[in-house]
Amino acid sequence: MSNNKISKIFENLNKNSFVKQLAAGAGAGLVTGNFAQRLGKPIIFTAGAGVILLELAHHKGYINMNLESLKQKANEKKDDLNEKAQCSRLPSTDKIKDFANNNKTFTAGFIGGFLMGVAW
């Protein structure tokens, strides 16, 4: 689906009935919540295992970490990412807030569906 079609769907969402708005929000939230829950667990587990293995390898002397150099490189990468994020085509938080304020029924359905999807 192109961005224009998606934009038209969301623009016309407010014109639909309460039930359609709530159902659309709940459905979108349910899918998103379920996806986040299924994808999040392995990612968080892998990140945690990586931290533990990194610390174990450092303790055993297999690797040597220079924390000052690591902090400097992390700050450089953070600045690069901030510059790229400003150039990206993702919607700004202001646009998201405006959408949520203008489509409160959809937003309430999305939040409820998201929580149900995470719990599912």
PDB file of N, CA and C in Angstrom:
ATOM      1  N   MET A   1       0.834  -1.172   0.000  1.00  0.00           N
ATOM      2  CA  MET A   1       0.000   0.000   0.000  1.00  0.00           C
ATOM      3  C   MET A   1       0.880   1.238   0.000  1.00  0.00           C
ATOM      4  N   SER A   2       0.567   2.191  -0.824  1.00  0.00           N
ATOM      5  CA  SER A   2       1.380   3.398  -0.882  1.00  0.00           C
ATOM      6  C   SER A   2       1.021   4.342   0.259  1.00  0.00           C
ATOM      7  N   ASN A   3       1.908   5.296   0.503  1.00  0.00           N
ATOM      8  CA  ASN A   3       1.678   6.262   1.578  1.00  0.00           C
ATOM      9  C   ASN A   3       0.429   7.087   1.328  1.00  0.00           C
ATOM     10  N   ASN A   4       0.104   7.370   0.057  1.00  0.00           N
ATOM     11  CA  ASN A   4      -1.085   8.163  -0.248  1.00  0.00           C
ATOM     12  C   ASN A   4      -2.355   7.431   0.159  1.00  0.00           C
ATOM     13  N   LYS A   5      -2.421   6.135  -0.105  1.00  0.00           N
ATOM     14  CA  LYS A   5      -3.601   5.355   0.275  1.00  0.00           C
ATOM     15  C   LYS A   5      -3.745   5.294   1.792  1.00  0.00           C
ATOM     16  N   ILE A   6      -2.633   5.102   2.475  1.00  0.00           N
ATOM     17  CA  ILE A   6      -2.669   5.050   3.930  1.00  0.00           C
ATOM     18  C   ILE A   6      -3.098   6.398   4.498  1.00  0.00           C
ATOM     19  N   SER A   7      -2.568   7.467   3.948  1.00  0.00           N
ATOM     20  CA  SER A   7      -2.943   8.811   4.397  1.00  0.00           C
ATOM     21  C   SER A   7      -4.435   9.052   4.210  1.00  0.00           C
ATOM     22  N   LYS A   8      -4.983   8.617   3.066  1.00  0.00           N
ATOM     23  CA  LYS A   8      -6.413   8.796   2.807  1.00  0.00           C
ATOM     24  C   LYS A   8      -7.260   8.000   3.786  1.00  0.00           C
ATOM     25  N   ILE A   9      -6.815   6.791   4.113  1.00  0.00           N
ATOM     26  CA  ILE A   9      -7.553   5.969   5.076  1.00  0.00           C
ATOM     27  C   ILE A   9      -7.608   6.672   6.429  1.00  0.00           C
ATOM     28  N   PHE A  10      -6.473   7.182   6.890  1.00  0.00           N
ATOM     29  CA  PHE A  10      -6.447   7.829   8.191  1.00  0.00           C
ATOM     30  C   PHE A  10      -7.161   9.180   8.181  1.00  0.00           C
ATOM     31  N   GLU A  11      -7.140   9.879   7.055  1.00  0.00           N
ATOM     32  CA  GLU A  11      -7.863  11.145   6.962  1.00  0.00           C
ATOM     33  C   GLU A  11      -9.371  10.914   7.035  1.00  0.00           C
ATOM     34  N   ASN A  12      -9.840   9.854   6.403  1.00  0.00           N
ATOM     35  CA  ASN A  12     -11.270   9.554   6.388  1.00  0.00           C
ATOM     36  C   ASN A  12     -11.734   8.786   7.618  1.00  0.00           C
ATOM     37  N   LEU A  13     -10.827   8.372   8.458  1.00  0.00           N
ATOM     38  CA  LEU A  13     -11.163   7.570   9.632  1.00  0.00           C
ATOM     39  C   LEU A  13     -12.123   8.309  10.555  1.00  0.00           C
ATOM     40  N   ASN A  14     -11.915   9.581  10.730  1.00  0.00           N
ATOM     41  CA  ASN A  14     -12.722  10.380  11.642  1.00  0.00           C
ATOM     42  C   ASN A  14     -14.163  10.503  11.157  1.00  0.00           C
ATOM     43  N   LYS A  15     -14.396  10.266   9.873  1.00  0.00           N
ATOM     44  CA  LYS A  15     -15.735  10.390   9.297  1.00  0.00           C
ATOM     45  C   LYS A  15     -16.571   9.128   9.501  1.00  0.00           C
ATOM     46  N   ASN A  16     -15.933   8.036   9.889  1.00  0.00           N
ATOM     47  CA  ASN A  16     -16.638   6.771  10.089  1.00  0.00           C
ATOM     48  C   ASN A  16     -17.353   6.748  11.435  1.00  0.00           C
ATOM     49  N   SER A  17     -18.190   5.744  11.617  1.00  0.00           N
ATOM     50  CA  SER A  17     -18.941   5.623  12.865  1.00  0.00           C
ATOM     51  C   SER A  17     -18.011   5.270  14.026  1.00  0.00           C
ATOM     52  N   PHE A  18     -18.529   5.480  15.217  1.00  0.00           N
ATOM     53  CA  PHE A  18     -17.785   5.188  16.437  1.00  0.00           C
ATOM     54  C   PHE A  18     -17.306   3.739  16.459  1.00  0.00           C
ATOM     55  N   VAL A  19     -18.188   2.817  16.111  1.00  0.00           N
ATOM     56  CA  VAL A  19     -17.859   1.387  16.160  1.00  0.00           C
ATOM     57  C   VAL A  19     -16.749   1.050  15.176  1.00  0.00           C
ATOM     58  N   LYS A  20     -16.810   1.618  13.958  1.00  0.00           N
ATOM     59  CA  LYS A  20     -15.770   1.352  12.962  1.00  0.00           C
ATOM     60  C   LYS A  20     -14.426   1.911  13.417  1.00  0.00           C
ATOM     61  N   GLN A  21     -14.441   3.094  13.996  1.00  0.00           N
ATOM     62  CA  GLN A  21     -13.196   3.687  14.483  1.00  0.00           C
ATOM     63  C   GLN A  21     -12.595   2.840  15.605  1.00  0.00           C
ATOM     64  N   LEU A  22     -13.446   2.434  16.532  1.00  0.00           N
ATOM     65  CA  LEU A  22     -12.977   1.625  17.659  1.00  0.00           C
ATOM     66  C   LEU A  22     -12.461   0.265  17.186  1.00  0.00           C
ATOM     67  N   ALA A  23     -13.174  -0.356  16.249  1.00  0.00           N
ATOM     68  CA  ALA A  23     -12.758  -1.668  15.730  1.00  0.00           C
ATOM     69  C   ALA A  23     -11.451  -1.558  14.952  1.00  0.00           C
ATOM     70  N   ALA A  24     -11.309  -0.496  14.167  1.00  0.00           N
ATOM     71  CA  ALA A  24     -10.068  -0.310  13.411  1.00  0.00           C
ATOM     72  C   ALA A  24      -8.893  -0.110  14.365  1.00  0.00           C
ATOM     73  N   GLY A  25      -9.087   0.692  15.400  1.00  0.00           N
ATOM     74  CA  GLY A  25      -8.021   0.918  16.380  1.00  0.00           C
ATOM     75  C   GLY A  25      -7.674  -0.345  17.140  1.00  0.00           C
ATOM     76  N   ALA A  26      -8.698  -1.074  17.563  1.00  0.00           N
ATOM     77  CA  ALA A  26      -8.457  -2.307  18.320  1.00  0.00           C
ATOM     78  C   ALA A  26      -7.747  -3.345  17.463  1.00  0.00           C
ATOM     79  N   GLY A  27      -8.149  -3.469  16.211  1.00  0.00           N
ATOM     80  CA  GLY A  27      -7.498  -4.436  15.311  1.00  0.00           C
ATOM     81  C   GLY A  27      -6.043  -4.084  15.061  1.00  0.00           C
ATOM     82  N   ALA A  28      -5.790  -2.804  14.782  1.00  0.00           N
ATOM     83  CA  ALA A  28      -4.410  -2.371  14.547  1.00  0.00           C
ATOM     84  C   ALA A  28      -3.565  -2.547  15.808  1.00  0.00           C
ATOM     85  N   GLY A  29      -4.143  -2.208  16.950  1.00  0.00           N
ATOM     86  CA  GLY A  29      -3.419  -2.359  18.213  1.00  0.00           C
ATOM     87  C   GLY A  29      -3.145  -3.813  18.557  1.00  0.00           C
ATOM     88  N   LEU A  30      -4.113  -4.668  18.306  1.00  0.00           N
ATOM     89  CA  LEU A  30      -3.951  -6.095  18.604  1.00  0.00           C
ATOM     90  C   LEU A  30      -2.811  -6.697  17.790  1.00  0.00           C
ATOM     91  N   VAL A  31      -2.787  -6.388  16.506  1.00  0.00           N
ATOM     92  CA  VAL A  31      -1.722  -6.909  15.634  1.00  0.00           C
ATOM     93  C   VAL A  31      -0.364  -6.348  16.059  1.00  0.00           C
ATOM     94  N   THR A  32      -0.312  -5.040  16.311  1.00  0.00           N
ATOM     95  CA  THR A  32       0.946  -4.408  16.712  1.00  0.00           C
ATOM     96  C   THR A  32       1.440  -4.940  18.049  1.00  0.00           C
ATOM     97  N   GLY A  33       0.537  -5.067  19.019  1.00  0.00           N
ATOM     98  CA  GLY A  33       0.920  -5.578  20.339  1.00  0.00           C
ATOM     99  C   GLY A  33       1.414  -7.008  20.295  1.00  0.00           C
ATOM    100  N   ASN A  34       0.727  -7.838  19.519  1.00  0.00           N
ATOM    101  CA  ASN A  34       1.143  -9.231  19.400  1.00  0.00           C
ATOM    102  C   ASN A  34       2.498  -9.338  18.723  1.00  0.00           C
ATOM    103  N   PHE A  35       2.701  -8.539  17.679  1.00  0.00           N
ATOM    104  CA  PHE A  35       3.982  -8.523  16.971  1.00  0.00           C
ATOM    105  C   PHE A  35       5.102  -8.053  17.905  1.00  0.00           C
ATOM    106  N   ALA A  36       4.851  -6.990  18.657  1.00  0.00           N
ATOM    107  CA  ALA A  36       5.860  -6.465  19.582  1.00  0.00           C
ATOM    108  C   ALA A  36       6.210  -7.489  20.661  1.00  0.00           C
ATOM    109  N   GLN A  37       5.198  -8.179  21.154  1.00  0.00           N
ATOM    110  CA  GLN A  37       5.433  -9.177  22.202  1.00  0.00           C
ATOM    111  C   GLN A  37       6.247 -10.349  21.663  1.00  0.00           C
ATOM    112  N   ARG A  38       5.901 -10.817  20.489  1.00  0.00           N
ATOM    113  CA  ARG A  38       6.613 -11.963  19.919  1.00  0.00           C
ATOM    114  C   ARG A  38       8.034 -11.613  19.487  1.00  0.00           C
ATOM    115  N   LEU A  39       8.209 -10.420  18.975  1.00  0.00           N
ATOM    116  CA  LEU A  39       9.525  -9.997  18.512  1.00  0.00           C
ATOM    117  C   LEU A  39      10.377  -9.495  19.669  1.00  0.00           C
ATOM    118  N   GLY A  40       9.755  -8.896  20.665  1.00  0.00           N
ATOM    119  CA  GLY A  40      10.487  -8.274  21.761  1.00  0.00           C
ATOM    120  C   GLY A  40      11.205  -9.261  22.661  1.00  0.00           C
ATOM    121  N   LYS A  41      10.572 -10.368  22.974  1.00  0.00           N
ATOM    122  CA  LYS A  41      11.182 -11.335  23.891  1.00  0.00           C
ATOM    123  C   LYS A  41      12.532 -11.844  23.399  1.00  0.00           C
ATOM    124  N   PRO A  42      12.645 -12.334  22.156  1.00  0.00           N
ATOM    125  CA  PRO A  42      13.954 -12.815  21.709  1.00  0.00           C
ATOM    126  C   PRO A  42      15.006 -11.713  21.620  1.00  0.00           C
ATOM    127  N   ILE A  43      14.580 -10.515  21.248  1.00  0.00           N
ATOM    128  CA  ILE A  43      15.543  -9.415  21.154  1.00  0.00           C
ATOM    129  C   ILE A  43      16.078  -9.052  22.534  1.00  0.00           C
ATOM    130  N   ILE A  44      15.190  -8.939  23.499  1.00  0.00           N
ATOM    131  CA  ILE A  44      15.617  -8.591  24.854  1.00  0.00           C
ATOM    132  C   ILE A  44      16.476  -9.705  25.448  1.00  0.00           C
ATOM    133  N   PHE A  45      16.098 -10.968  25.222  1.00  0.00           N
ATOM    134  CA  PHE A  45      16.890 -12.090  25.720  1.00  0.00           C
ATOM    135  C   PHE A  45      18.295 -12.072  25.120  1.00  0.00           C
ATOM    136  N   THR A  46      18.384 -11.847  23.810  1.00  0.00           N
ATOM    137  CA  THR A  46      19.679 -11.829  23.121  1.00  0.00           C
ATOM    138  C   THR A  46      20.551 -10.683  23.631  1.00  0.00           C
ATOM    139  N   ALA A  47      19.957  -9.515  23.817  1.00  0.00           N
ATOM    140  CA  ALA A  47      20.717  -8.375  24.325  1.00  0.00           C
ATOM    141  C   ALA A  47      21.239  -8.661  25.732  1.00  0.00           C
ATOM    142  N   GLY A  48      20.406  -9.236  26.571  1.00  0.00           N
ATOM    143  CA  GLY A  48      20.832  -9.565  27.934  1.00  0.00           C
ATOM    144  C   GLY A  48      21.946 -10.607  27.947  1.00  0.00           C
ATOM    145  N   ALA A  49      21.810 -11.628  27.131  1.00  0.00           N
ATOM    146  CA  ALA A  49      22.848 -12.656  27.043  1.00  0.00           C
ATOM    147  C   ALA A  49      24.150 -12.061  26.525  1.00  0.00           C
ATOM    148  N   GLY A  50      24.050 -11.140  25.576  1.00  0.00           N
ATOM    149  CA  GLY A  50      25.247 -10.487  25.043  1.00  0.00           C
ATOM    150  C   GLY A  50      25.981  -9.686  26.103  1.00  0.00           C
ATOM    151  N   VAL A  51      25.239  -8.972  26.935  1.00  0.00           N
ATOM    152  CA  VAL A  51      25.866  -8.195  28.014  1.00  0.00           C
ATOM    153  C   VAL A  51      26.573  -9.124  28.999  1.00  0.00           C
ATOM    154  N   ILE A  52      25.914 -10.217  29.356  1.00  0.00           N
ATOM    155  CA  ILE A  52      26.518 -11.167  30.303  1.00  0.00           C
ATOM    156  C   ILE A  52      27.776 -11.794  29.702  1.00  0.00           C
ATOM    157  N   LEU A  53      27.712 -12.230  28.447  1.00  0.00           N
ATOM    158  CA  LEU A  53      28.881 -12.836  27.803  1.00  0.00           C
ATOM    159  C   LEU A  53      30.022 -11.832  27.636  1.00  0.00           C
ATOM    160  N   LEU A  54      29.707 -10.595  27.327  1.00  0.00           N
ATOM    161  CA  LEU A  54      30.720  -9.550  27.196  1.00  0.00           C
ATOM    162  C   LEU A  54      31.437  -9.321  28.522  1.00  0.00           C
ATOM    163  N   GLU A  55      30.686  -9.245  29.590  1.00  0.00           N
ATOM    164  CA  GLU A  55      31.293  -9.039  30.909  1.00  0.00           C
ATOM    165  C   GLU A  55      32.130 -10.246  31.322  1.00  0.00           C
ATOM    166  N   LEU A  56      31.663 -11.450  31.029  1.00  0.00           N
ATOM    167  CA  LEU A  56      32.412 -12.664  31.345  1.00  0.00           C
ATOM    168  C   LEU A  56      33.723 -12.709  30.567  1.00  0.00           C
ATOM    169  N   ALA A  57      33.678 -12.370  29.288  1.00  0.00           N
ATOM    170  CA  ALA A  57      34.887 -12.364  28.466  1.00  0.00           C
ATOM    171  C   ALA A  57      35.876 -11.302  28.949  1.00  0.00           C
ATOM    172  N   HIS A  58      35.366 -10.156  29.377  1.00  0.00           N
ATOM    173  CA  HIS A  58      36.230  -9.102  29.920  1.00  0.00           C
ATOM    174  C   HIS A  58      36.884  -9.565  31.224  1.00  0.00           C
ATOM    175  N   HIS A  59      36.107 -10.200  32.070  1.00  0.00           N
ATOM    176  CA  HIS A  59      36.619 -10.684  33.355  1.00  0.00           C
ATOM    177  C   HIS A  59      37.704 -11.746  33.159  1.00  0.00           C
ATOM    178  N   LYS A  60      37.511 -12.621  32.183  1.00  0.00           N
ATOM    179  CA  LYS A  60      38.481 -13.685  31.923  1.00  0.00           C
ATOM    180  C   LYS A  60      39.697 -13.197  31.144  1.00  0.00           C
ATOM    181  N   GLY A  61      39.661 -11.963  30.637  1.00  0.00           N
ATOM    182  CA  GLY A  61      40.801 -11.404  29.936  1.00  0.00           C
ATOM    183  C   GLY A  61      40.825 -11.683  28.439  1.00  0.00           C
ATOM    184  N   TYR A  62      39.728 -12.221  27.900  1.00  0.00           N
ATOM    185  CA  TYR A  62      39.671 -12.481  26.462  1.00  0.00           C
ATOM    186  C   TYR A  62      39.570 -11.186  25.661  1.00  0.00           C
ATOM    187  N   ILE A  63      38.936 -10.192  26.246  1.00  0.00           N
ATOM    188  CA  ILE A  63      38.828  -8.879  25.598  1.00  0.00           C
ATOM    189  C   ILE A  63      39.201  -7.797  26.603  1.00  0.00           C
ATOM    190  N   ASN A  64      39.631  -6.662  26.081  1.00  0.00           N
ATOM    191  CA  ASN A  64      39.972  -5.525  26.923  1.00  0.00           C
ATOM    192  C   ASN A  64      39.111  -4.348  26.472  1.00  0.00           C
ATOM    193  N   MET A  65      38.317  -3.813  27.386  1.00  0.00           N
ATOM    194  CA  MET A  65      37.414  -2.721  27.038  1.00  0.00           C
ATOM    195  C   MET A  65      37.980  -1.394  27.522  1.00  0.00           C
ATOM    196  N   ASN A  66      38.093  -0.436  26.611  1.00  0.00           N
ATOM    197  CA  ASN A  66      38.468   0.928  26.947  1.00  0.00           C
ATOM    198  C   ASN A  66      37.175   1.733  26.977  1.00  0.00           C
ATOM    199  N   LEU A  67      36.648   1.973  28.173  1.00  0.00           N
ATOM    200  CA  LEU A  67      35.334   2.585  28.298  1.00  0.00           C
ATOM    201  C   LEU A  67      35.299   4.025  27.792  1.00  0.00           C
ATOM    202  N   GLU A  68      36.372   4.774  27.945  1.00  0.00           N
ATOM    203  CA  GLU A  68      36.388   6.156  27.453  1.00  0.00           C
ATOM    204  C   GLU A  68      36.285   6.190  25.934  1.00  0.00           C
ATOM    205  N   SER A  69      37.020   5.316  25.272  1.00  0.00           N
ATOM    206  CA  SER A  69      36.956   5.229  23.815  1.00  0.00           C
ATOM    207  C   SER A  69      35.561   4.783  23.371  1.00  0.00           C
ATOM    208  N   LEU A  70      34.976   3.854  24.113  1.00  0.00           N
ATOM    209  CA  LEU A  70      33.638   3.361  23.811  1.00  0.00           C
ATOM    210  C   LEU A  70      32.601   4.466  23.959  1.00  0.00           C
ATOM    211  N   LYS A  71      32.713   5.268  25.018  1.00  0.00           N
ATOM    212  CA  LYS A  71      31.790   6.391  25.222  1.00  0.00           C
ATOM    213  C   LYS A  71      31.914   7.405  24.094  1.00  0.00           C
ATOM    214  N   GLN A  72      33.139   7.699  23.683  1.00  0.00           N
ATOM    215  CA  GLN A  72      33.369   8.673  22.619  1.00  0.00           C
ATOM    216  C   GLN A  72      32.752   8.183  21.305  1.00  0.00           C
ATOM    217  N   LYS A  73      32.968   6.921  20.966  1.00  0.00           N
ATOM    218  CA  LYS A  73      32.416   6.370  19.732  1.00  0.00           C
ATOM    219  C   LYS A  73      30.891   6.310  19.784  1.00  0.00           C
ATOM    220  N   ALA A  74      30.342   5.989  20.950  1.00  0.00           N
ATOM    221  CA  ALA A  74      28.889   5.940  21.103  1.00  0.00           C
ATOM    222  C   ALA A  74      28.282   7.328  20.908  1.00  0.00           C
ATOM    223  N   ASN A  75      28.929   8.358  21.449  1.00  0.00           N
ATOM    224  CA  ASN A  75      28.435   9.723  21.272  1.00  0.00           C
ATOM    225  C   ASN A  75      28.502  10.155  19.807  1.00  0.00           C
ATOM    226  N   GLU A  76      29.576   9.761  19.101  1.00  0.00           N
ATOM    227  CA  GLU A  76      29.689  10.081  17.673  1.00  0.00           C
ATOM    228  C   GLU A  76      28.564   9.420  16.884  1.00  0.00           C
ATOM    229  N   LYS A  77      28.297   8.153  17.178  1.00  0.00           N
ATOM    230  CA  LYS A  77      27.233   7.426  16.482  1.00  0.00           C
ATOM    231  C   LYS A  77      25.867   8.020  16.810  1.00  0.00           C
ATOM    232  N   LYS A  78      25.685   8.436  18.060  1.00  0.00           N
ATOM    233  CA  LYS A  78      24.424   9.049  18.466  1.00  0.00           C
ATOM    234  C   LYS A  78      24.182  10.327  17.672  1.00  0.00           C
ATOM    235  N   ASP A  79      25.221  11.133  17.508  1.00  0.00           N
ATOM    236  CA  ASP A  79      25.094  12.366  16.729  1.00  0.00           C
ATOM    237  C   ASP A  79      24.767  12.061  15.268  1.00  0.00           C
ATOM    238  N   ASP A  80      25.421  11.036  14.707  1.00  0.00           N
ATOM    239  CA  ASP A  80      25.143  10.637  13.322  1.00  0.00           C
ATOM    240  C   ASP A  80      23.693  10.182  13.163  1.00  0.00           C
ATOM    241  N   LEU A  81      23.216   9.387  14.129  1.00  0.00           N
ATOM    242  CA  LEU A  81      21.840   8.902  14.068  1.00  0.00           C
ATOM    243  C   LEU A  81      20.844  10.040  14.202  1.00  0.00           C
ATOM    244  N   ASN A  82      21.138  11.012  15.060  1.00  0.00           N
ATOM    245  CA  ASN A  82      20.248  12.161  15.218  1.00  0.00           C
ATOM    246  C   ASN A  82      20.146  12.951  13.923  1.00  0.00           C
ATOM    247  N   GLU A  83      21.264  13.115  13.225  1.00  0.00           N
ATOM    248  CA  GLU A  83      21.254  13.820  11.947  1.00  0.00           C
ATOM    249  C   GLU A  83      20.437  13.054  10.908  1.00  0.00           C
ATOM    250  N   LYS A  84      20.618  11.747  10.864  1.00  0.00           N
ATOM    251  CA  LYS A  84      19.875  10.931   9.904  1.00  0.00           C
ATOM    252  C   LYS A  84      18.388  10.908  10.239  1.00  0.00           C
ATOM    253  N   ALA A  85      18.060  10.885  11.525  1.00  0.00           N
ATOM    254  CA  ALA A  85      16.665  10.847  11.941  1.00  0.00           C
ATOM    255  C   ALA A  85      15.936  12.124  11.544  1.00  0.00           C
ATOM    256  N   GLN A  86      16.639  13.237  11.561  1.00  0.00           N
ATOM    257  CA  GLN A  86      16.012  14.497  11.166  1.00  0.00           C
ATOM    258  C   GLN A  86      15.710  14.513   9.674  1.00  0.00           C
ATOM    259  N   CYS A  87      16.472  13.762   8.902  1.00  0.00           N
ATOM    260  CA  CYS A  87      16.264  13.704   7.452  1.00  0.00           C
ATOM    261  C   CYS A  87      15.304  12.589   7.052  1.00  0.00           C
ATOM    262  N   SER A  88      14.912  11.741   7.989  1.00  0.00           N
ATOM    263  CA  SER A  88      14.080  10.589   7.634  1.00  0.00           C
ATOM    264  C   SER A  88      12.651  11.023   7.339  1.00  0.00           C
ATOM    265  N   ARG A  89      11.893  10.103   6.786  1.00  0.00           N
ATOM    266  CA  ARG A  89      10.514  10.385   6.403  1.00  0.00           C
ATOM    267  C   ARG A  89       9.525   9.918   7.463  1.00  0.00           C
ATOM    268  N   LEU A  90       9.998   9.589   8.650  1.00  0.00           N
ATOM    269  CA  LEU A  90       9.093   9.162   9.706  1.00  0.00           C
ATOM    270  C   LEU A  90       8.281  10.353  10.202  1.00  0.00           C
ATOM    271  N   PRO A  91       7.051  10.118  10.637  1.00  0.00           N
ATOM    272  CA  PRO A  91       6.238  11.232  11.117  1.00  0.00           C
ATOM    273  C   PRO A  91       6.808  11.797  12.423  1.00  0.00           C
ATOM    274  N   SER A  92       6.677  13.089  12.575  1.00  0.00           N
ATOM    275  CA  SER A  92       7.175  13.723  13.792  1.00  0.00           C
ATOM    276  C   SER A  92       6.223  13.424  14.945  1.00  0.00           C
ATOM    277  N   THR A  93       6.694  13.635  16.152  1.00  0.00           N
ATOM    278  CA  THR A  93       5.840  13.396  17.314  1.00  0.00           C
ATOM    279  C   THR A  93       4.663  14.353  17.326  1.00  0.00           C
ATOM    280  N   ASP A  94       4.837  15.543  16.765  1.00  0.00           N
ATOM    281  CA  ASP A  94       3.719  16.488  16.697  1.00  0.00           C
ATOM    282  C   ASP A  94       2.595  15.936  15.823  1.00  0.00           C
ATOM    283  N   LYS A  95       2.961  15.308  14.705  1.00  0.00           N
ATOM    284  CA  LYS A  95       1.946  14.724  13.832  1.00  0.00           C
ATOM    285  C   LYS A  95       1.221  13.577  14.524  1.00  0.00           C
ATOM    286  N   ILE A  96       1.973  12.792  15.276  1.00  0.00           N
ATOM    287  CA  ILE A  96       1.366  11.666  15.993  1.00  0.00           C
ATOM    288  C   ILE A  96       0.431  12.182  17.078  1.00  0.00           C
ATOM    289  N   LYS A  97       0.847  13.221  17.801  1.00  0.00           N
ATOM    290  CA  LYS A  97      -0.016  13.808  18.838  1.00  0.00           C
ATOM    291  C   LYS A  97      -1.286  14.387  18.227  1.00  0.00           C
ATOM    292  N   ASP A  98      -1.137  15.081  17.096  1.00  0.00           N
ATOM    293  CA  ASP A  98      -2.314  15.648  16.423  1.00  0.00           C
ATOM    294  C   ASP A  98      -3.271  14.546  15.989  1.00  0.00           C
ATOM    295  N   PHE A  99      -2.718  13.457  15.432  1.00  0.00           N
ATOM    296  CA  PHE A  99      -3.564  12.345  15.002  1.00  0.00           C
ATOM    297  C   PHE A  99      -4.297  11.748  16.204  1.00  0.00           C
ATOM    298  N   ALA A 100      -3.585  11.540  17.307  1.00  0.00           N
ATOM    299  CA  ALA A 100      -4.200  10.954  18.500  1.00  0.00           C
ATOM    300  C   ALA A 100      -5.293  11.865  19.054  1.00  0.00           C
ATOM    301  N   ASN A 101      -5.053  13.170  19.043  1.00  0.00           N
ATOM    302  CA  ASN A 101      -6.061  14.108  19.548  1.00  0.00           C
ATOM    303  C   ASN A 101      -7.278  14.201  18.636  1.00  0.00           C
ATOM    304  N   ASN A 102      -7.067  14.074  17.339  1.00  0.00           N
ATOM    305  CA  ASN A 102      -8.175  14.175  16.394  1.00  0.00           C
ATOM    306  C   ASN A 102      -8.932  12.866  16.225  1.00  0.00           C
ATOM    307  N   ASN A 103      -8.355  11.762  16.648  1.00  0.00           N
ATOM    308  CA  ASN A 103      -8.973  10.431  16.500  1.00  0.00           C
ATOM    309  C   ASN A 103      -8.936   9.700  17.835  1.00  0.00           C
ATOM    310  N   LYS A 104      -9.587  10.256  18.822  1.00  0.00           N
ATOM    311  CA  LYS A 104      -9.518   9.693  20.179  1.00  0.00           C
ATOM    312  C   LYS A 104     -10.126   8.299  20.266  1.00  0.00           C
ATOM    313  N   THR A 105     -11.166   8.046  19.509  1.00  0.00           N
ATOM    314  CA  THR A 105     -11.792   6.722  19.538  1.00  0.00           C
ATOM    315  C   THR A 105     -10.848   5.673  18.978  1.00  0.00           C
ATOM    316  N   PHE A 106     -10.224   5.969  17.840  1.00  0.00           N
ATOM    317  CA  PHE A 106      -9.255   5.054  17.247  1.00  0.00           C
ATOM    318  C   PHE A 106      -8.090   4.833  18.204  1.00  0.00           C
ATOM    319  N   THR A 107      -7.599   5.925  18.806  1.00  0.00           N
ATOM    320  CA  THR A 107      -6.452   5.839  19.702  1.00  0.00           C
ATOM    321  C   THR A 107      -6.778   4.984  20.924  1.00  0.00           C
ATOM    322  N   ALA A 108      -7.975   5.171  21.495  1.00  0.00           N
ATOM    323  CA  ALA A 108      -8.377   4.351  22.646  1.00  0.00           C
ATOM    324  C   ALA A 108      -8.461   2.880  22.249  1.00  0.00           C
ATOM    325  N   GLY A 109      -9.027   2.609  21.074  1.00  0.00           N
ATOM    326  CA  GLY A 109      -9.096   1.230  20.585  1.00  0.00           C
ATOM    327  C   GLY A 109      -7.716   0.649  20.346  1.00  0.00           C
ATOM    328  N   PHE A 110      -6.810   1.469  19.792  1.00  0.00           N
ATOM    329  CA  PHE A 110      -5.451   1.006  19.527  1.00  0.00           C
ATOM    330  C   PHE A 110      -4.741   0.642  20.829  1.00  0.00           C
ATOM    331  N   ILE A 111      -4.848   1.507  21.832  1.00  0.00           N
ATOM    332  CA  ILE A 111      -4.182   1.238  23.108  1.00  0.00           C
ATOM    333  C   ILE A 111      -4.737  -0.036  23.742  1.00  0.00           C
ATOM    334  N   GLY A 112      -6.065  -0.168  23.742  1.00  0.00           N
ATOM    335  CA  GLY A 112      -6.668  -1.384  24.287  1.00  0.00           C
ATOM    336  C   GLY A 112      -6.259  -2.620  23.516  1.00  0.00           C
ATOM    337  N   GLY A 113      -6.281  -2.530  22.190  1.00  0.00           N
ATOM    338  CA  GLY A 113      -5.870  -3.666  21.366  1.00  0.00           C
ATOM    339  C   GLY A 113      -4.408  -4.008  21.532  1.00  0.00           C
ATOM    340  N   PHE A 114      -3.570  -2.976  21.668  1.00  0.00           N
ATOM    341  CA  PHE A 114      -2.143  -3.204  21.858  1.00  0.00           C
ATOM    342  C   PHE A 114      -1.896  -3.976  23.156  1.00  0.00           C
ATOM    343  N   LEU A 115      -2.535  -3.545  24.223  1.00  0.00           N
ATOM    344  CA  LEU A 115      -2.374  -4.244  25.513  1.00  0.00           C
ATOM    345  C   LEU A 115      -2.891  -5.674  25.436  1.00  0.00           C
ATOM    346  N   MET A 116      -3.996  -5.886  24.739  1.00  0.00           N
ATOM    347  CA  MET A 116      -4.507  -7.241  24.569  1.00  0.00           C
ATOM    348  C   MET A 116      -3.551  -8.082  23.739  1.00  0.00           C
ATOM    349  N   GLY A 117      -2.951  -7.477  22.703  1.00  0.00           N
ATOM    350  CA  GLY A 117      -2.014  -8.193  21.847  1.00  0.00           C
ATOM    351  C   GLY A 117      -0.758  -8.595  22.589  1.00  0.00           C
ATOM    352  N   VAL A 118      -0.279  -7.728  23.468  1.00  0.00           N
ATOM    353  CA  VAL A 118       0.913  -8.050  24.269  1.00  0.00           C
ATOM    354  C   VAL A 118       0.589  -9.183  25.239  1.00  0.00           C
ATOM    355  N   ALA A 119      -0.610  -9.160  25.809  1.00  0.00           N
ATOM    356  CA  ALA A 119      -0.987 -10.191  26.779  1.00  0.00           C
ATOM    357  C   ALA A 119      -1.338 -11.521  26.131  1.00  0.00           C
ATOM    358  N   TRP A 120      -1.705 -11.510  24.866  1.00  0.00           N
ATOM    359  CA  TRP A 120      -2.158 -12.708  24.178  1.00  0.00           C
ATOM    360  C   TRP A 120      -1.084 -13.699  24.105  1.00  0.00           C
TER     361      TRP A 120
END
